[in-house]
Amino acid sequence: MKETTERLILRKPEKDDFERFFEINNDPQTNLYNPNGPMSLEKATSTFNRMLEHWEQNNFGAWAVSEKENPEKIIGFGGLSYKMYGETEKLNLGYRFAPEAWGKGYATEFSKKTIDFGFSDLNEKEIFGVVRPNNIASIKVLEKAGMEQTGKLNDVPDQPESLVYRIQK
């Protein structure tokens, strides 16, 4: 299953993508706002396996993202998946891009496409996103994609609450 935007290719991840997934998620730069820091190999393995399982169970999930100009090189991972917000399961928009893909508008382009996919293809009524309060770049991406802050989530012990964003169809 493949989707495209003006500049990006979004495709279902494969087992062979794990090495790149780990590279991106283990990079300290991509974890500047992650209270847990870079992903360990063990954490990346379980997260990647859950991502593949989500696809198997729901027929959608996080995509492997590449540029149309260089389709062999993955620049990030992200999409829609069911995620627990405290006690409640919500459809969550999430992504992580490699630093070399930053500052090009890819996250906004990706997020708008992902939201459109959720509303059009999945016929969902609302989509959520959760972001650390100091991650100004991601806050701007969610806002440019049409999402609004609707609350906070105490999801990281001994840290400021995350901001919850939502968009409705």
N, C-alpha and C. Protein backbone atom coordinates (compact mmCIF):
# COMPACT_ATOMS: atom_id res chain seq x y z
N MET A 1 0.85 -1.18 0.00
CA MET A 1 0.00 0.00 0.00
C MET A 1 0.89 1.24 0.00
N LYS A 2 0.67 2.10 -0.97
CA LYS A 2 1.54 3.27 -1.14
C LYS A 2 0.69 4.52 -1.31
N GLU A 3 1.13 5.59 -0.70
CA GLU A 3 0.52 6.91 -0.86
C GLU A 3 1.64 7.85 -1.30
N THR A 4 1.25 8.96 -1.92
CA THR A 4 2.25 9.95 -2.29
C THR A 4 1.73 11.35 -1.97
N THR A 5 2.69 12.26 -1.79
CA THR A 5 2.40 13.68 -1.71
C THR A 5 3.16 14.32 -2.87
N GLU A 6 3.19 15.61 -2.89
CA GLU A 6 3.92 16.30 -3.96
C GLU A 6 5.37 15.84 -4.04
N ARG A 7 6.02 15.65 -2.87
CA ARG A 7 7.45 15.33 -2.86
C ARG A 7 7.81 14.03 -2.17
N LEU A 8 6.83 13.36 -1.57
CA LEU A 8 7.13 12.19 -0.73
C LEU A 8 6.42 10.92 -1.20
N ILE A 9 7.03 9.80 -0.88
CA ILE A 9 6.43 8.48 -1.07
C ILE A 9 6.23 7.88 0.33
N LEU A 10 5.02 7.42 0.61
CA LEU A 10 4.69 6.80 1.89
C LEU A 10 4.32 5.35 1.59
N ARG A 11 5.08 4.41 2.15
CA ARG A 11 4.78 3.01 1.88
C ARG A 11 4.81 2.19 3.16
N LYS A 12 4.14 1.05 3.09
CA LYS A 12 4.12 0.13 4.23
C LYS A 12 5.54 -0.31 4.53
N PRO A 13 5.95 -0.27 5.79
CA PRO A 13 7.32 -0.69 6.12
C PRO A 13 7.50 -2.21 5.98
N GLU A 14 8.73 -2.60 5.73
CA GLU A 14 9.08 -4.02 5.60
C GLU A 14 10.16 -4.33 6.63
N LYS A 15 10.35 -5.61 6.90
CA LYS A 15 11.36 -6.03 7.90
C LYS A 15 12.73 -5.45 7.58
N ASP A 16 13.05 -5.34 6.29
CA ASP A 16 14.36 -4.81 5.88
C ASP A 16 14.56 -3.34 6.24
N ASP A 17 13.49 -2.65 6.62
CA ASP A 17 13.59 -1.23 6.97
C ASP A 17 14.05 -1.02 8.41
N PHE A 18 14.20 -2.11 9.17
CA PHE A 18 14.51 -1.95 10.59
C PHE A 18 15.82 -1.18 10.83
N GLU A 19 16.84 -1.49 10.06
CA GLU A 19 18.14 -0.84 10.28
C GLU A 19 18.00 0.68 10.20
N ARG A 20 17.28 1.16 9.21
CA ARG A 20 17.07 2.60 9.04
C ARG A 20 16.18 3.15 10.17
N PHE A 21 15.16 2.38 10.57
CA PHE A 21 14.30 2.77 11.68
C PHE A 21 15.14 2.99 12.94
N PHE A 22 16.03 2.05 13.20
CA PHE A 22 16.89 2.15 14.38
C PHE A 22 17.82 3.35 14.27
N GLU A 23 18.42 3.56 13.09
CA GLU A 23 19.31 4.71 12.87
C GLU A 23 18.62 6.02 13.24
N ILE A 24 17.41 6.20 12.72
CA ILE A 24 16.67 7.45 12.94
C ILE A 24 16.27 7.58 14.41
N ASN A 25 15.78 6.51 15.01
CA ASN A 25 15.27 6.58 16.39
C ASN A 25 16.36 6.53 17.45
N ASN A 26 17.57 6.12 17.06
CA ASN A 26 18.70 6.07 17.97
C ASN A 26 19.52 7.37 17.93
N ASP A 27 19.20 8.25 16.98
CA ASP A 27 19.93 9.50 16.80
C ASP A 27 19.56 10.50 17.90
N PRO A 28 20.54 11.01 18.65
CA PRO A 28 20.23 11.98 19.70
C PRO A 28 19.49 13.22 19.16
N GLN A 29 19.79 13.62 17.93
CA GLN A 29 19.13 14.80 17.34
C GLN A 29 17.63 14.59 17.21
N THR A 30 17.20 13.39 16.83
CA THR A 30 15.77 13.14 16.63
C THR A 30 15.06 12.92 17.96
N ASN A 31 15.80 12.90 19.05
CA ASN A 31 15.23 12.66 20.38
C ASN A 31 15.44 13.83 21.32
N LEU A 32 15.67 15.01 20.78
CA LEU A 32 15.93 16.19 21.61
C LEU A 32 14.82 16.42 22.63
N TYR A 33 13.57 16.12 22.25
CA TYR A 33 12.42 16.40 23.12
C TYR A 33 11.85 15.13 23.73
N ASN A 34 12.51 14.01 23.49
CA ASN A 34 12.04 12.74 24.03
C ASN A 34 12.66 12.54 25.41
N PRO A 35 11.83 12.56 26.47
CA PRO A 35 12.38 12.41 27.82
C PRO A 35 13.13 11.08 28.01
N ASN A 36 12.82 10.09 27.20
CA ASN A 36 13.49 8.79 27.30
C ASN A 36 14.81 8.74 26.53
N GLY A 37 15.08 9.78 25.74
CA GLY A 37 16.32 9.82 24.98
C GLY A 37 16.29 8.88 23.78
N PRO A 38 17.44 8.70 23.12
CA PRO A 38 17.52 7.82 21.95
C PRO A 38 17.07 6.40 22.27
N MET A 39 16.45 5.76 21.29
CA MET A 39 15.95 4.39 21.47
C MET A 39 17.10 3.40 21.52
N SER A 40 17.04 2.51 22.49
CA SER A 40 17.98 1.40 22.54
C SER A 40 17.61 0.41 21.44
N LEU A 41 18.51 -0.49 21.12
CA LEU A 41 18.24 -1.52 20.12
C LEU A 41 17.02 -2.34 20.55
N GLU A 42 16.95 -2.68 21.83
CA GLU A 42 15.83 -3.48 22.34
C GLU A 42 14.50 -2.76 22.17
N LYS A 43 14.46 -1.48 22.56
CA LYS A 43 13.24 -0.67 22.45
C LYS A 43 12.86 -0.47 20.98
N ALA A 44 13.84 -0.20 20.13
CA ALA A 44 13.57 -0.02 18.70
C ALA A 44 13.00 -1.31 18.10
N THR A 45 13.54 -2.44 18.50
CA THR A 45 13.05 -3.73 17.99
C THR A 45 11.60 -3.94 18.36
N SER A 46 11.25 -3.71 19.63
CA SER A 46 9.86 -3.93 20.05
C SER A 46 8.93 -2.90 19.41
N THR A 47 9.37 -1.65 19.28
CA THR A 47 8.55 -0.60 18.66
C THR A 47 8.32 -0.92 17.18
N PHE A 48 9.38 -1.33 16.50
CA PHE A 48 9.26 -1.66 15.07
C PHE A 48 8.32 -2.86 14.89
N ASN A 49 8.46 -3.87 15.71
CA ASN A 49 7.58 -5.05 15.62
C ASN A 49 6.13 -4.68 15.89
N ARG A 50 5.89 -3.79 16.86
CA ARG A 50 4.51 -3.32 17.12
C ARG A 50 3.97 -2.57 15.91
N MET A 51 4.83 -1.80 15.25
CA MET A 51 4.43 -1.06 14.06
C MET A 51 3.98 -2.03 12.96
N LEU A 52 4.75 -3.08 12.74
CA LEU A 52 4.38 -4.08 11.73
C LEU A 52 3.11 -4.82 12.13
N GLU A 53 2.97 -5.14 13.42
CA GLU A 53 1.75 -5.80 13.91
C GLU A 53 0.52 -4.92 13.72
N HIS A 54 0.68 -3.61 13.94
CA HIS A 54 -0.44 -2.68 13.75
C HIS A 54 -0.95 -2.76 12.31
N TRP A 55 -0.02 -2.84 11.36
CA TRP A 55 -0.39 -3.00 9.95
C TRP A 55 -1.18 -4.29 9.74
N GLU A 56 -0.68 -5.38 10.32
CA GLU A 56 -1.34 -6.68 10.15
C GLU A 56 -2.76 -6.66 10.71
N GLN A 57 -2.93 -6.03 11.86
CA GLN A 57 -4.23 -6.03 12.53
C GLN A 57 -5.21 -5.01 11.94
N ASN A 58 -4.72 -3.88 11.44
CA ASN A 58 -5.61 -2.77 11.05
C ASN A 58 -5.53 -2.39 9.57
N ASN A 59 -4.57 -2.96 8.86
CA ASN A 59 -4.39 -2.65 7.44
C ASN A 59 -4.00 -1.19 7.17
N PHE A 60 -3.46 -0.54 8.19
CA PHE A 60 -2.83 0.79 8.06
C PHE A 60 -1.91 0.95 9.25
N GLY A 61 -1.10 2.01 9.21
CA GLY A 61 -0.18 2.26 10.31
C GLY A 61 0.86 3.27 9.90
N ALA A 62 2.02 3.19 10.53
CA ALA A 62 3.11 4.10 10.20
C ALA A 62 3.76 3.66 8.90
N TRP A 63 4.00 4.63 8.04
CA TRP A 63 4.67 4.39 6.76
C TRP A 63 6.17 4.59 6.89
N ALA A 64 6.91 4.00 5.95
CA ALA A 64 8.29 4.39 5.69
C ALA A 64 8.20 5.53 4.68
N VAL A 65 8.88 6.63 4.96
CA VAL A 65 8.76 7.84 4.14
C VAL A 65 10.06 8.08 3.39
N SER A 66 9.96 8.33 2.08
CA SER A 66 11.13 8.69 1.30
C SER A 66 10.77 9.81 0.33
N GLU A 67 11.82 10.45 -0.20
CA GLU A 67 11.61 11.51 -1.18
C GLU A 67 11.39 10.87 -2.55
N LYS A 68 10.52 11.47 -3.36
CA LYS A 68 10.31 10.97 -4.73
C LYS A 68 11.63 11.00 -5.51
N GLU A 69 12.47 12.00 -5.20
CA GLU A 69 13.75 12.14 -5.92
C GLU A 69 14.75 11.06 -5.53
N ASN A 70 14.55 10.44 -4.37
CA ASN A 70 15.47 9.41 -3.89
C ASN A 70 14.66 8.33 -3.14
N PRO A 71 13.88 7.55 -3.89
CA PRO A 71 12.93 6.64 -3.25
C PRO A 71 13.55 5.50 -2.44
N GLU A 72 14.84 5.22 -2.66
CA GLU A 72 15.48 4.12 -1.94
C GLU A 72 15.88 4.50 -0.52
N LYS A 73 16.03 5.80 -0.25
CA LYS A 73 16.50 6.24 1.07
C LYS A 73 15.33 6.71 1.93
N ILE A 74 15.10 6.01 3.02
CA ILE A 74 14.03 6.39 3.95
C ILE A 74 14.50 7.60 4.76
N ILE A 75 13.64 8.63 4.81
CA ILE A 75 13.96 9.84 5.57
C ILE A 75 13.17 9.93 6.87
N GLY A 76 12.22 9.01 7.06
CA GLY A 76 11.45 9.03 8.29
C GLY A 76 10.41 7.93 8.32
N PHE A 77 9.72 7.88 9.45
CA PHE A 77 8.62 6.94 9.64
C PHE A 77 7.50 7.69 10.32
N GLY A 78 6.28 7.38 9.94
CA GLY A 78 5.15 8.01 10.62
C GLY A 78 3.84 7.68 9.95
N GLY A 79 2.78 8.01 10.63
CA GLY A 79 1.44 7.77 10.11
C GLY A 79 0.43 7.77 11.22
N LEU A 80 -0.61 6.97 11.03
CA LEU A 80 -1.69 6.87 12.01
C LEU A 80 -1.63 5.51 12.69
N SER A 81 -1.87 5.52 13.99
CA SER A 81 -1.96 4.26 14.73
C SER A 81 -2.80 4.48 15.97
N TYR A 82 -3.35 3.39 16.48
CA TYR A 82 -4.10 3.48 17.73
C TYR A 82 -3.12 3.54 18.89
N LYS A 83 -3.33 4.51 19.76
CA LYS A 83 -2.41 4.75 20.87
C LYS A 83 -3.22 5.08 22.12
N MET A 84 -2.73 4.60 23.25
CA MET A 84 -3.39 4.91 24.52
C MET A 84 -3.01 6.32 24.97
N TYR A 85 -4.05 7.12 25.23
CA TYR A 85 -3.89 8.43 25.84
C TYR A 85 -4.43 8.26 27.26
N GLY A 86 -3.56 7.93 28.18
CA GLY A 86 -4.02 7.58 29.52
C GLY A 86 -4.84 6.30 29.44
N GLU A 87 -6.13 6.40 29.74
CA GLU A 87 -7.02 5.23 29.74
C GLU A 87 -7.78 5.06 28.42
N THR A 88 -7.64 6.01 27.51
CA THR A 88 -8.47 6.04 26.30
C THR A 88 -7.63 5.80 25.05
N GLU A 89 -8.11 4.90 24.18
CA GLU A 89 -7.43 4.67 22.91
C GLU A 89 -7.90 5.69 21.89
N LYS A 90 -6.93 6.33 21.22
CA LYS A 90 -7.25 7.34 20.21
C LYS A 90 -6.44 7.06 18.94
N LEU A 91 -6.93 7.58 17.82
CA LEU A 91 -6.17 7.49 16.57
C LEU A 91 -5.14 8.61 16.59
N ASN A 92 -3.87 8.21 16.60
CA ASN A 92 -2.77 9.13 16.82
C ASN A 92 -1.96 9.35 15.55
N LEU A 93 -1.67 10.62 15.26
CA LEU A 93 -0.75 11.00 14.19
C LEU A 93 0.63 11.14 14.82
N GLY A 94 1.59 10.38 14.32
CA GLY A 94 2.94 10.48 14.83
C GLY A 94 3.95 10.36 13.71
N TYR A 95 5.14 10.92 13.92
CA TYR A 95 6.19 10.82 12.91
C TYR A 95 7.53 11.10 13.55
N ARG A 96 8.56 10.65 12.89
CA ARG A 96 9.93 11.02 13.24
C ARG A 96 10.74 11.02 11.95
N PHE A 97 11.34 12.17 11.65
CA PHE A 97 12.15 12.32 10.45
C PHE A 97 13.63 12.43 10.81
N ALA A 98 14.48 11.94 9.94
CA ALA A 98 15.93 12.08 10.09
C ALA A 98 16.29 13.56 9.99
N PRO A 99 17.34 13.99 10.71
CA PRO A 99 17.71 15.41 10.70
C PRO A 99 17.95 15.99 9.30
N GLU A 100 18.46 15.17 8.37
CA GLU A 100 18.71 15.72 7.02
C GLU A 100 17.43 16.08 6.28
N ALA A 101 16.28 15.64 6.80
CA ALA A 101 14.99 15.95 6.17
C ALA A 101 14.30 17.15 6.83
N TRP A 102 14.92 17.69 7.87
CA TRP A 102 14.30 18.79 8.61
C TRP A 102 14.37 20.10 7.82
N GLY A 103 13.42 20.98 8.12
CA GLY A 103 13.44 22.34 7.58
C GLY A 103 13.03 22.45 6.13
N LYS A 104 12.44 21.38 5.59
CA LYS A 104 12.04 21.39 4.18
C LYS A 104 10.53 21.36 4.01
N GLY A 105 9.80 21.39 5.12
CA GLY A 105 8.34 21.34 5.06
C GLY A 105 7.79 19.93 4.90
N TYR A 106 8.65 18.93 4.98
CA TYR A 106 8.19 17.55 4.78
C TYR A 106 7.22 17.11 5.87
N ALA A 107 7.48 17.47 7.12
CA ALA A 107 6.61 17.03 8.22
C ALA A 107 5.20 17.59 8.05
N THR A 108 5.10 18.85 7.62
CA THR A 108 3.78 19.46 7.40
C THR A 108 3.09 18.80 6.21
N GLU A 109 3.81 18.63 5.11
CA GLU A 109 3.26 17.97 3.91
C GLU A 109 2.79 16.56 4.27
N PHE A 110 3.61 15.85 5.03
CA PHE A 110 3.29 14.50 5.47
C PHE A 110 2.04 14.50 6.36
N SER A 111 2.00 15.42 7.33
CA SER A 111 0.89 15.44 8.29
C SER A 111 -0.43 15.76 7.61
N LYS A 112 -0.43 16.70 6.68
CA LYS A 112 -1.66 17.03 5.95
C LYS A 112 -2.17 15.82 5.17
N LYS A 113 -1.26 15.12 4.50
CA LYS A 113 -1.63 13.92 3.74
C LYS A 113 -2.17 12.83 4.67
N THR A 114 -1.52 12.66 5.82
CA THR A 114 -1.92 11.63 6.78
C THR A 114 -3.31 11.91 7.33
N ILE A 115 -3.58 13.16 7.65
CA ILE A 115 -4.91 13.55 8.14
C ILE A 115 -5.96 13.29 7.06
N ASP A 116 -5.65 13.70 5.83
CA ASP A 116 -6.57 13.47 4.70
C ASP A 116 -6.84 11.97 4.53
N PHE A 117 -5.80 11.16 4.64
CA PHE A 117 -5.93 9.70 4.55
C PHE A 117 -6.86 9.18 5.66
N GLY A 118 -6.67 9.66 6.86
CA GLY A 118 -7.49 9.23 7.99
C GLY A 118 -8.96 9.55 7.80
N PHE A 119 -9.24 10.74 7.27
CA PHE A 119 -10.63 11.15 7.07
C PHE A 119 -11.23 10.50 5.82
N SER A 120 -10.48 10.47 4.72
CA SER A 120 -11.01 9.98 3.44
C SER A 120 -10.99 8.46 3.35
N ASP A 121 -9.81 7.87 3.53
CA ASP A 121 -9.64 6.43 3.33
C ASP A 121 -10.13 5.60 4.51
N LEU A 122 -9.90 6.09 5.73
CA LEU A 122 -10.29 5.33 6.92
C LEU A 122 -11.65 5.76 7.46
N ASN A 123 -12.16 6.87 6.94
CA ASN A 123 -13.46 7.40 7.36
C ASN A 123 -13.52 7.67 8.87
N GLU A 124 -12.41 8.12 9.43
CA GLU A 124 -12.36 8.47 10.85
C GLU A 124 -12.95 9.87 11.04
N LYS A 125 -13.42 10.14 12.24
CA LYS A 125 -14.06 11.42 12.55
C LYS A 125 -13.11 12.41 13.23
N GLU A 126 -12.08 11.87 13.93
CA GLU A 126 -11.13 12.77 14.58
C GLU A 126 -9.77 12.08 14.70
N ILE A 127 -8.74 12.90 14.68
CA ILE A 127 -7.36 12.42 14.76
C ILE A 127 -6.65 13.26 15.82
N PHE A 128 -5.81 12.61 16.60
CA PHE A 128 -5.11 13.27 17.69
C PHE A 128 -3.60 13.24 17.47
N GLY A 129 -2.92 14.12 18.14
CA GLY A 129 -1.47 14.12 18.16
C GLY A 129 -1.03 14.56 19.54
N VAL A 130 0.09 14.03 20.00
CA VAL A 130 0.60 14.42 21.31
C VAL A 130 2.05 14.89 21.11
N VAL A 131 2.38 16.01 21.77
CA VAL A 131 3.69 16.63 21.54
C VAL A 131 4.21 17.19 22.85
N ARG A 132 5.53 17.11 23.02
CA ARG A 132 6.15 17.70 24.21
C ARG A 132 6.04 19.23 24.13
N PRO A 133 5.78 19.91 25.25
CA PRO A 133 5.52 21.35 25.21
C PRO A 133 6.70 22.19 24.71
N ASN A 134 7.93 21.66 24.78
CA ASN A 134 9.10 22.42 24.32
C ASN A 134 9.48 22.10 22.87
N ASN A 135 8.70 21.23 22.20
CA ASN A 135 9.00 20.87 20.81
C ASN A 135 8.26 21.82 19.87
N ILE A 136 8.78 23.04 19.79
CA ILE A 136 8.12 24.12 19.04
C ILE A 136 7.94 23.74 17.57
N ALA A 137 8.94 23.10 16.96
CA ALA A 137 8.85 22.74 15.54
C ALA A 137 7.66 21.80 15.29
N SER A 138 7.49 20.79 16.12
CA SER A 138 6.38 19.86 15.93
C SER A 138 5.03 20.50 16.25
N ILE A 139 5.01 21.40 17.22
CA ILE A 139 3.77 22.14 17.52
C ILE A 139 3.35 22.92 16.28
N LYS A 140 4.31 23.59 15.64
CA LYS A 140 4.00 24.38 14.44
C LYS A 140 3.50 23.48 13.31
N VAL A 141 4.11 22.29 13.17
CA VAL A 141 3.67 21.34 12.13
C VAL A 141 2.21 20.97 12.36
N LEU A 142 1.86 20.58 13.58
CA LEU A 142 0.48 20.16 13.86
C LEU A 142 -0.49 21.31 13.61
N GLU A 143 -0.10 22.52 13.99
CA GLU A 143 -0.97 23.68 13.77
C GLU A 143 -1.12 23.99 12.28
N LYS A 144 -0.02 23.91 11.53
CA LYS A 144 -0.10 24.14 10.08
C LYS A 144 -0.97 23.09 9.39
N ALA A 145 -1.01 21.89 9.98
CA ALA A 145 -1.83 20.81 9.42
C ALA A 145 -3.30 20.93 9.83
N GLY A 146 -3.61 21.98 10.61
CA GLY A 146 -5.01 22.23 10.96
C GLY A 146 -5.44 21.70 12.31
N MET A 147 -4.50 21.19 13.10
CA MET A 147 -4.84 20.65 14.41
C MET A 147 -4.83 21.76 15.46
N GLU A 148 -5.65 21.59 16.50
CA GLU A 148 -5.72 22.57 17.58
C GLU A 148 -5.46 21.89 18.90
N GLN A 149 -4.81 22.61 19.81
CA GLN A 149 -4.56 22.05 21.14
C GLN A 149 -5.89 21.96 21.88
N THR A 150 -6.17 20.75 22.41
CA THR A 150 -7.44 20.53 23.11
C THR A 150 -7.23 20.13 24.56
N GLY A 151 -6.01 19.92 24.97
CA GLY A 151 -5.79 19.52 26.36
C GLY A 151 -4.35 19.14 26.61
N LYS A 152 -4.14 18.50 27.74
CA LYS A 152 -2.81 18.06 28.12
C LYS A 152 -2.89 16.61 28.58
N LEU A 153 -1.75 15.93 28.56
CA LEU A 153 -1.69 14.53 28.95
C LEU A 153 -0.48 14.32 29.83
N ASN A 154 -0.70 13.79 31.01
CA ASN A 154 0.39 13.50 31.93
C ASN A 154 0.93 12.12 31.59
N ASP A 155 1.77 12.05 30.56
CA ASP A 155 2.23 10.75 30.03
C ASP A 155 3.69 10.47 30.34
N VAL A 156 4.40 11.41 30.93
CA VAL A 156 5.81 11.20 31.26
C VAL A 156 6.01 11.57 32.73
N PRO A 157 6.31 10.57 33.58
CA PRO A 157 6.47 10.85 35.01
C PRO A 157 7.52 11.94 35.27
N ASP A 158 7.20 12.83 36.20
CA ASP A 158 8.12 13.89 36.65
C ASP A 158 8.54 14.84 35.53
N GLN A 159 7.69 14.99 34.52
CA GLN A 159 7.96 15.92 33.41
C GLN A 159 6.72 16.79 33.19
N PRO A 160 6.89 17.96 32.56
CA PRO A 160 5.70 18.75 32.21
C PRO A 160 4.76 17.92 31.33
N GLU A 161 3.47 18.19 31.42
CA GLU A 161 2.49 17.44 30.64
C GLU A 161 2.70 17.66 29.14
N SER A 162 2.42 16.62 28.36
CA SER A 162 2.44 16.75 26.91
C SER A 162 1.18 17.51 26.47
N LEU A 163 1.26 18.14 25.31
CA LEU A 163 0.11 18.84 24.74
C LEU A 163 -0.63 17.88 23.81
N VAL A 164 -1.94 17.88 23.92
CA VAL A 164 -2.79 17.04 23.05
C VAL A 164 -3.42 17.93 21.99
N TYR A 165 -3.25 17.53 20.74
CA TYR A 165 -3.83 18.23 19.60
C TYR A 165 -4.89 17.34 18.95
N ARG A 166 -5.88 17.98 18.31
CA ARG A 166 -6.95 17.23 17.67
C ARG A 166 -7.42 17.97 16.42
N ILE A 167 -7.86 17.20 15.46
CA ILE A 167 -8.56 17.74 14.30
C ILE A 167 -9.78 16.87 14.06
N GLN A 168 -10.89 17.50 13.72
CA GLN A 168 -12.13 16.77 13.44
C GLN A 168 -12.49 16.93 11.98
N LYS A 169 -13.11 15.88 11.45
CA LYS A 169 -13.53 15.89 10.05
C LYS A 169 -14.55 16.99 9.81
